[in-house]
Amino acid sequence: MNEPNARDRILKAAIKVFAEKSYEGSRMDEIAREAYVPKSLIYYHFKSKAEILEVLTSKFINEYADLISEKTKETHQEKAEKLADRIKNEYYEFGRRNADLVRVIFIDSLKKSKDKPVLFKMLDVLITQEARDSKEGDLDIQERRVTEFFTSFITNYAYICFNESWIKYYGIEKEQFDRLFLKVYEDTHGNYHKNHK
């Protein structure tokens, strides 16, 4: 019953189906069809669709935590200096690899009924790690939380979700769009780090 890599195929299929039909609009039989497994095998690995989403988001958050773990000890100036390079070489690749899951997380986080959206959980990972490595007070941490969320998280995840359609709709070359995005990102989020001591 337990096929090799079946669990991974189910998770990958779930991401694709959730991104295409939304989490609410998707059904287990669609995931099974996409993964080329019987529906019963999905229930062998996961209790429910909610558990599949929880596994996917937990894995995503853990990968994000690994990505930022070394950067939390840097000063604001060091972050500002390395921002452009990091966006191009680390965060962009992370986002590209997880683009469909980012769409699902973004949509799921927009639900009015969510007590703690996944994006808030990711923000908590960043702020908690930075607070351990910093002497900032509670007020600075609140400011940092607002800054990271509204000038970095939302910005980057909107870029991941909309870059292809933006390029197509506005008829702009990808390289030009990426340069413009990076300039605006440095002018907003980068300036926060440059101007924060």
C-alpha atoms as a PDB file:
ATOM      1  CA  MET A   1       0.000   0.000   0.000  1.00  0.00           C
ATOM      2  CA  ASN A   2       2.830   2.410   0.817  1.00  0.00           C
ATOM      3  CA  GLU A   3       4.329   3.351  -2.576  1.00  0.00           C
ATOM      4  CA  PRO A   4       7.817   4.901  -2.693  1.00  0.00           C
ATOM      5  CA  ASN A   5       7.619   8.700  -2.455  1.00  0.00           C
ATOM      6  CA  ALA A   6       3.813   8.575  -2.386  1.00  0.00           C
ATOM      7  CA  ARG A   7       3.664  11.005   0.533  1.00  0.00           C
ATOM      8  CA  ASP A   8       5.855  13.529  -1.308  1.00  0.00           C
ATOM      9  CA  ARG A   9       3.786  13.114  -4.483  1.00  0.00           C
ATOM     10  CA  ILE A  10       0.627  13.760  -2.467  1.00  0.00           C
ATOM     11  CA  LEU A  11       2.106  16.937  -0.953  1.00  0.00           C
ATOM     12  CA  LYS A  12       3.266  18.231  -4.350  1.00  0.00           C
ATOM     13  CA  ALA A  13      -0.094  17.412  -5.893  1.00  0.00           C
ATOM     14  CA  ALA A  14      -1.909  19.153  -3.044  1.00  0.00           C
ATOM     15  CA  ILE A  15       0.095  22.338  -3.611  1.00  0.00           C
ATOM     16  CA  LYS A  16      -0.805  22.309  -7.298  1.00  0.00           C
ATOM     17  CA  VAL A  17      -4.498  21.623  -6.684  1.00  0.00           C
ATOM     18  CA  PHE A  18      -4.749  24.151  -3.819  1.00  0.00           C
ATOM     19  CA  ALA A  19      -3.064  26.830  -5.993  1.00  0.00           C
ATOM     20  CA  GLU A  20      -5.376  26.159  -8.938  1.00  0.00           C
ATOM     21  CA  LYS A  21      -8.691  25.645  -7.132  1.00  0.00           C
ATOM     22  CA  SER A  22      -8.032  27.221  -3.705  1.00  0.00           C
ATOM     23  CA  TYR A  23      -7.817  25.239  -0.513  1.00  0.00           C
ATOM     24  CA  GLU A  24     -11.587  25.372   0.041  1.00  0.00           C
ATOM     25  CA  GLY A  25     -12.384  24.590  -3.581  1.00  0.00           C
ATOM     26  CA  SER A  26     -10.180  21.504  -3.788  1.00  0.00           C
ATOM     27  CA  ARG A  27     -11.182  17.926  -3.066  1.00  0.00           C
ATOM     28  CA  MET A  28      -9.195  14.904  -1.963  1.00  0.00           C
ATOM     29  CA  ASP A  29     -10.078  12.967  -5.123  1.00  0.00           C
ATOM     30  CA  GLU A  30      -8.510  15.779  -7.217  1.00  0.00           C
ATOM     31  CA  ILE A  31      -5.332  15.540  -5.149  1.00  0.00           C
ATOM     32  CA  ALA A  32      -5.342  11.757  -5.568  1.00  0.00           C
ATOM     33  CA  ARG A  33      -5.765  12.083  -9.325  1.00  0.00           C
ATOM     34  CA  GLU A  34      -2.933  14.653  -9.552  1.00  0.00           C
ATOM     35  CA  ALA A  35      -0.627  12.459  -7.418  1.00  0.00           C
ATOM     36  CA  TYR A  36      -1.562   9.257  -9.293  1.00  0.00           C
ATOM     37  CA  VAL A  37      -2.529   7.524  -6.063  1.00  0.00           C
ATOM     38  CA  PRO A  38      -5.782   6.097  -4.744  1.00  0.00           C
ATOM     39  CA  LYS A  39      -7.651   8.395  -2.378  1.00  0.00           C
ATOM     40  CA  SER A  40      -7.287   5.785   0.360  1.00  0.00           C
ATOM     41  CA  LEU A  41      -3.496   6.268   0.229  1.00  0.00           C
ATOM     42  CA  ILE A  42      -3.932   9.953   1.007  1.00  0.00           C
ATOM     43  CA  TYR A  43      -5.889   9.012   4.128  1.00  0.00           C
ATOM     44  CA  TYR A  44      -3.172   6.526   5.017  1.00  0.00           C
ATOM     45  CA  HIS A  45      -0.688   9.427   5.211  1.00  0.00           C
ATOM     46  CA  PHE A  46      -2.954  12.309   6.277  1.00  0.00           C
ATOM     47  CA  LYS A  47      -6.117  12.529   8.371  1.00  0.00           C
ATOM     48  CA  SER A  48      -7.572  15.397   6.393  1.00  0.00           C
ATOM     49  CA  LYS A  49      -7.039  18.165   3.881  1.00  0.00           C
ATOM     50  CA  ALA A  50      -6.360  20.478   6.841  1.00  0.00           C
ATOM     51  CA  GLU A  51      -3.490  18.238   7.963  1.00  0.00           C
ATOM     52  CA  ILE A  52      -2.002  18.338   4.459  1.00  0.00           C
ATOM     53  CA  LEU A  53      -2.039  22.142   4.553  1.00  0.00           C
ATOM     54  CA  GLU A  54      -0.556  22.154   8.064  1.00  0.00           C
ATOM     55  CA  VAL A  55       2.301  19.852   6.958  1.00  0.00           C
ATOM     56  CA  LEU A  56       2.972  22.029   3.898  1.00  0.00           C
ATOM     57  CA  THR A  57       2.996  25.287   5.836  1.00  0.00           C
ATOM     58  CA  SER A  58       5.116  23.855   8.672  1.00  0.00           C
ATOM     59  CA  LYS A  59       7.693  22.633   6.167  1.00  0.00           C
ATOM     60  CA  PHE A  60       7.651  26.051   4.465  1.00  0.00           C
ATOM     61  CA  ILE A  61       8.127  27.891   7.773  1.00  0.00           C
ATOM     62  CA  ASN A  62      10.996  25.583   8.765  1.00  0.00           C
ATOM     63  CA  GLU A  63      12.714  26.167   5.425  1.00  0.00           C
ATOM     64  CA  TYR A  64      12.211  29.916   5.862  1.00  0.00           C
ATOM     65  CA  ALA A  65      13.656  29.748   9.400  1.00  0.00           C
ATOM     66  CA  ASP A  66      16.747  27.989   8.037  1.00  0.00           C
ATOM     67  CA  LEU A  67      17.094  30.645   5.333  1.00  0.00           C
ATOM     68  CA  ILE A  68      17.076  33.538   7.803  1.00  0.00           C
ATOM     69  CA  SER A  69      18.842  31.894  10.753  1.00  0.00           C
ATOM     70  CA  GLU A  70      22.261  33.417  10.065  1.00  0.00           C
ATOM     71  CA  LYS A  71      20.930  36.845   9.116  1.00  0.00           C
ATOM     72  CA  THR A  72      19.227  37.685  12.417  1.00  0.00           C
ATOM     73  CA  LYS A  73      22.543  38.575  14.079  1.00  0.00           C
ATOM     74  CA  GLU A  74      23.377  41.259  11.524  1.00  0.00           C
ATOM     75  CA  THR A  75      23.077  44.968  12.244  1.00  0.00           C
ATOM     76  CA  HIS A  76      20.565  47.042  10.296  1.00  0.00           C
ATOM     77  CA  GLN A  77      23.419  48.499   8.247  1.00  0.00           C
ATOM     78  CA  GLU A  78      24.669  45.018   7.311  1.00  0.00           C
ATOM     79  CA  LYS A  79      21.131  44.016   6.317  1.00  0.00           C
ATOM     80  CA  ALA A  80      20.773  47.108   4.126  1.00  0.00           C
ATOM     81  CA  GLU A  81      24.124  46.446   2.409  1.00  0.00           C
ATOM     82  CA  LYS A  82      23.268  42.814   1.630  1.00  0.00           C
ATOM     83  CA  LEU A  83      19.577  43.303   0.799  1.00  0.00           C
ATOM     84  CA  ALA A  84      19.776  43.470  -3.004  1.00  0.00           C
ATOM     85  CA  ASP A  85      22.104  40.488  -3.251  1.00  0.00           C
ATOM     86  CA  ARG A  86      19.964  38.461  -0.878  1.00  0.00           C
ATOM     87  CA  ILE A  87      16.754  39.203  -2.743  1.00  0.00           C
ATOM     88  CA  LYS A  88      18.306  38.177  -6.077  1.00  0.00           C
ATOM     89  CA  ASN A  89      20.224  35.118  -4.904  1.00  0.00           C
ATOM     90  CA  GLU A  90      18.397  33.676  -1.902  1.00  0.00           C
ATOM     91  CA  TYR A  91      14.881  34.970  -1.323  1.00  0.00           C
ATOM     92  CA  TYR A  92      13.908  35.042  -4.999  1.00  0.00           C
ATOM     93  CA  GLU A  93      14.949  31.403  -5.409  1.00  0.00           C
ATOM     94  CA  PHE A  94      13.092  30.427  -2.221  1.00  0.00           C
ATOM     95  CA  GLY A  95       9.985  32.209  -3.479  1.00  0.00           C
ATOM     96  CA  ARG A  96      10.245  30.794  -6.994  1.00  0.00           C
ATOM     97  CA  ARG A  97      10.598  27.256  -5.654  1.00  0.00           C
ATOM     98  CA  ASN A  98       7.554  27.740  -3.434  1.00  0.00           C
ATOM     99  CA  ALA A  99       5.457  30.043  -5.657  1.00  0.00           C
ATOM    100  CA  ASP A 100       2.306  27.909  -5.700  1.00  0.00           C
ATOM    101  CA  LEU A 101       2.451  27.324  -1.945  1.00  0.00           C
ATOM    102  CA  VAL A 102       3.012  31.059  -1.414  1.00  0.00           C
ATOM    103  CA  ARG A 103      -0.219  31.686  -3.351  1.00  0.00           C
ATOM    104  CA  VAL A 104      -2.068  29.232  -1.123  1.00  0.00           C
ATOM    105  CA  ILE A 105      -0.581  30.748   2.060  1.00  0.00           C
ATOM    106  CA  PHE A 106      -1.336  34.273   0.856  1.00  0.00           C
ATOM    107  CA  ILE A 107      -4.974  33.448   0.128  1.00  0.00           C
ATOM    108  CA  ASP A 108      -5.354  31.450   3.336  1.00  0.00           C
ATOM    109  CA  SER A 109      -3.854  34.324   5.338  1.00  0.00           C
ATOM    110  CA  LEU A 110      -6.440  36.740   3.905  1.00  0.00           C
ATOM    111  CA  LYS A 111      -9.367  34.880   5.434  1.00  0.00           C
ATOM    112  CA  LYS A 112     -11.206  36.971   7.962  1.00  0.00           C
ATOM    113  CA  SER A 113     -11.752  33.950  10.193  1.00  0.00           C
ATOM    114  CA  LYS A 114      -8.052  33.156  10.606  1.00  0.00           C
ATOM    115  CA  ASP A 115      -6.866  33.725  14.186  1.00  0.00           C
ATOM    116  CA  LYS A 116      -3.225  33.484  13.234  1.00  0.00           C
ATOM    117  CA  PRO A 117      -2.461  33.552   9.508  1.00  0.00           C
ATOM    118  CA  VAL A 118       0.565  31.613   8.295  1.00  0.00           C
ATOM    119  CA  LEU A 119       2.211  34.904   7.292  1.00  0.00           C
ATOM    120  CA  PHE A 120       2.003  35.986  10.956  1.00  0.00           C
ATOM    121  CA  LYS A 121       3.631  32.704  11.997  1.00  0.00           C
ATOM    122  CA  MET A 122       6.488  33.398   9.584  1.00  0.00           C
ATOM    123  CA  LEU A 123       6.821  36.912  10.943  1.00  0.00           C
ATOM    124  CA  ASP A 124       6.987  35.471  14.460  1.00  0.00           C
ATOM    125  CA  VAL A 125       9.863  33.198  13.399  1.00  0.00           C
ATOM    126  CA  LEU A 126      11.839  36.196  12.159  1.00  0.00           C
ATOM    127  CA  ILE A 127      11.061  38.481  15.090  1.00  0.00           C
ATOM    128  CA  THR A 128      11.647  35.774  17.717  1.00  0.00           C
ATOM    129  CA  GLN A 129      15.054  34.903  16.268  1.00  0.00           C
ATOM    130  CA  GLU A 130      16.024  38.562  15.997  1.00  0.00           C
ATOM    131  CA  ALA A 131      14.818  39.356  19.529  1.00  0.00           C
ATOM    132  CA  ARG A 132      17.128  36.641  20.879  1.00  0.00           C
ATOM    133  CA  ASP A 133      20.082  38.229  19.101  1.00  0.00           C
ATOM    134  CA  SER A 134      19.189  41.849  19.812  1.00  0.00           C
ATOM    135  CA  LYS A 135      19.019  44.351  22.616  1.00  0.00           C
ATOM    136  CA  GLU A 136      15.949  46.043  21.134  1.00  0.00           C
ATOM    137  CA  GLY A 137      13.126  46.857  23.501  1.00  0.00           C
ATOM    138  CA  ASP A 138       9.480  45.855  23.109  1.00  0.00           C
ATOM    139  CA  LEU A 139       8.612  49.080  21.284  1.00  0.00           C
ATOM    140  CA  ASP A 140      11.388  48.511  18.737  1.00  0.00           C
ATOM    141  CA  ILE A 141      10.217  44.935  18.250  1.00  0.00           C
ATOM    142  CA  GLN A 142       6.670  46.148  17.526  1.00  0.00           C
ATOM    143  CA  GLU A 143       8.031  48.649  14.995  1.00  0.00           C
ATOM    144  CA  ARG A 144      10.179  45.926  13.443  1.00  0.00           C
ATOM    145  CA  ARG A 145       7.185  43.601  13.197  1.00  0.00           C
ATOM    146  CA  VAL A 146       5.100  46.248  11.375  1.00  0.00           C
ATOM    147  CA  THR A 147       8.025  47.171   9.101  1.00  0.00           C
ATOM    148  CA  GLU A 148       8.874  43.575   8.172  1.00  0.00           C
ATOM    149  CA  PHE A 149       5.274  42.663   7.496  1.00  0.00           C
ATOM    150  CA  PHE A 150       4.200  45.666   5.438  1.00  0.00           C
ATOM    151  CA  THR A 151       7.434  46.585   3.628  1.00  0.00           C
ATOM    152  CA  SER A 152       8.930  43.107   3.177  1.00  0.00           C
ATOM    153  CA  PHE A 153       6.592  40.139   3.638  1.00  0.00           C
ATOM    154  CA  ILE A 154       3.572  41.518   1.782  1.00  0.00           C
ATOM    155  CA  THR A 155       5.799  43.116  -0.856  1.00  0.00           C
ATOM    156  CA  ASN A 156       7.780  39.953  -1.571  1.00  0.00           C
ATOM    157  CA  TYR A 157       4.806  37.614  -1.577  1.00  0.00           C
ATOM    158  CA  ALA A 158       2.839  39.956  -3.833  1.00  0.00           C
ATOM    159  CA  TYR A 159       5.847  39.951  -6.180  1.00  0.00           C
ATOM    160  CA  ILE A 160       5.917  36.137  -6.163  1.00  0.00           C
ATOM    161  CA  CYS A 161       2.170  35.909  -6.810  1.00  0.00           C
ATOM    162  CA  PHE A 162       1.872  38.629  -9.442  1.00  0.00           C
ATOM    163  CA  ASN A 163       5.206  38.930 -11.283  1.00  0.00           C
ATOM    164  CA  GLU A 164       4.287  36.687 -14.240  1.00  0.00           C
ATOM    165  CA  SER A 165       0.871  38.248 -14.786  1.00  0.00           C
ATOM    166  CA  TRP A 166       2.318  41.762 -14.276  1.00  0.00           C
ATOM    167  CA  ILE A 167       4.990  41.160 -16.937  1.00  0.00           C
ATOM    168  CA  LYS A 168       2.407  39.799 -19.354  1.00  0.00           C
ATOM    169  CA  TYR A 169      -0.281  42.421 -18.688  1.00  0.00           C
ATOM    170  CA  TYR A 170       2.039  45.449 -18.816  1.00  0.00           C
ATOM    171  CA  GLY A 171       4.301  44.083 -21.558  1.00  0.00           C
ATOM    172  CA  ILE A 172       7.509  44.682 -19.612  1.00  0.00           C
ATOM    173  CA  GLU A 173      10.669  42.586 -19.884  1.00  0.00           C
ATOM    174  CA  LYS A 174      11.328  40.410 -16.837  1.00  0.00           C
ATOM    175  CA  GLU A 175      14.811  41.839 -16.275  1.00  0.00           C
ATOM    176  CA  GLN A 176      13.472  45.401 -16.323  1.00  0.00           C
ATOM    177  CA  PHE A 177      10.613  44.507 -13.995  1.00  0.00           C
ATOM    178  CA  ASP A 178      12.992  42.760 -11.573  1.00  0.00           C
ATOM    179  CA  ARG A 179      15.306  45.809 -11.557  1.00  0.00           C
ATOM    180  CA  LEU A 180      12.378  48.141 -10.859  1.00  0.00           C
ATOM    181  CA  PHE A 181      11.022  45.897  -8.123  1.00  0.00           C
ATOM    182  CA  LEU A 182      14.431  45.663  -6.463  1.00  0.00           C
ATOM    183  CA  LYS A 183      14.873  49.454  -6.626  1.00  0.00           C
ATOM    184  CA  VAL A 184      11.492  50.067  -4.987  1.00  0.00           C
ATOM    185  CA  TYR A 185      12.202  47.378  -2.383  1.00  0.00           C
ATOM    186  CA  GLU A 186      15.554  48.954  -1.505  1.00  0.00           C
ATOM    187  CA  ASP A 187      13.942  52.418  -1.382  1.00  0.00           C
ATOM    188  CA  THR A 188      11.380  51.196   1.163  1.00  0.00           C
ATOM    189  CA  HIS A 189      12.570  48.217   3.167  1.00  0.00           C
ATOM    190  CA  GLY A 190      16.251  48.908   2.542  1.00  0.00           C
ATOM    191  CA  ASN A 191      15.890  52.488   3.759  1.00  0.00           C
ATOM    192  CA  TYR A 192      14.325  51.265   6.987  1.00  0.00           C
ATOM    193  CA  HIS A 193      17.528  49.341   7.714  1.00  0.00           C
ATOM    194  CA  LYS A 194      19.793  52.180   6.525  1.00  0.00           C
ATOM    195  CA  ASN A 195      18.047  54.722   8.739  1.00  0.00           C
ATOM    196  CA  HIS A 196      17.636  52.488  11.793  1.00  0.00           C
ATOM    197  CA  LYS A 197      20.498  52.372  14.257  1.00  0.00           C
END
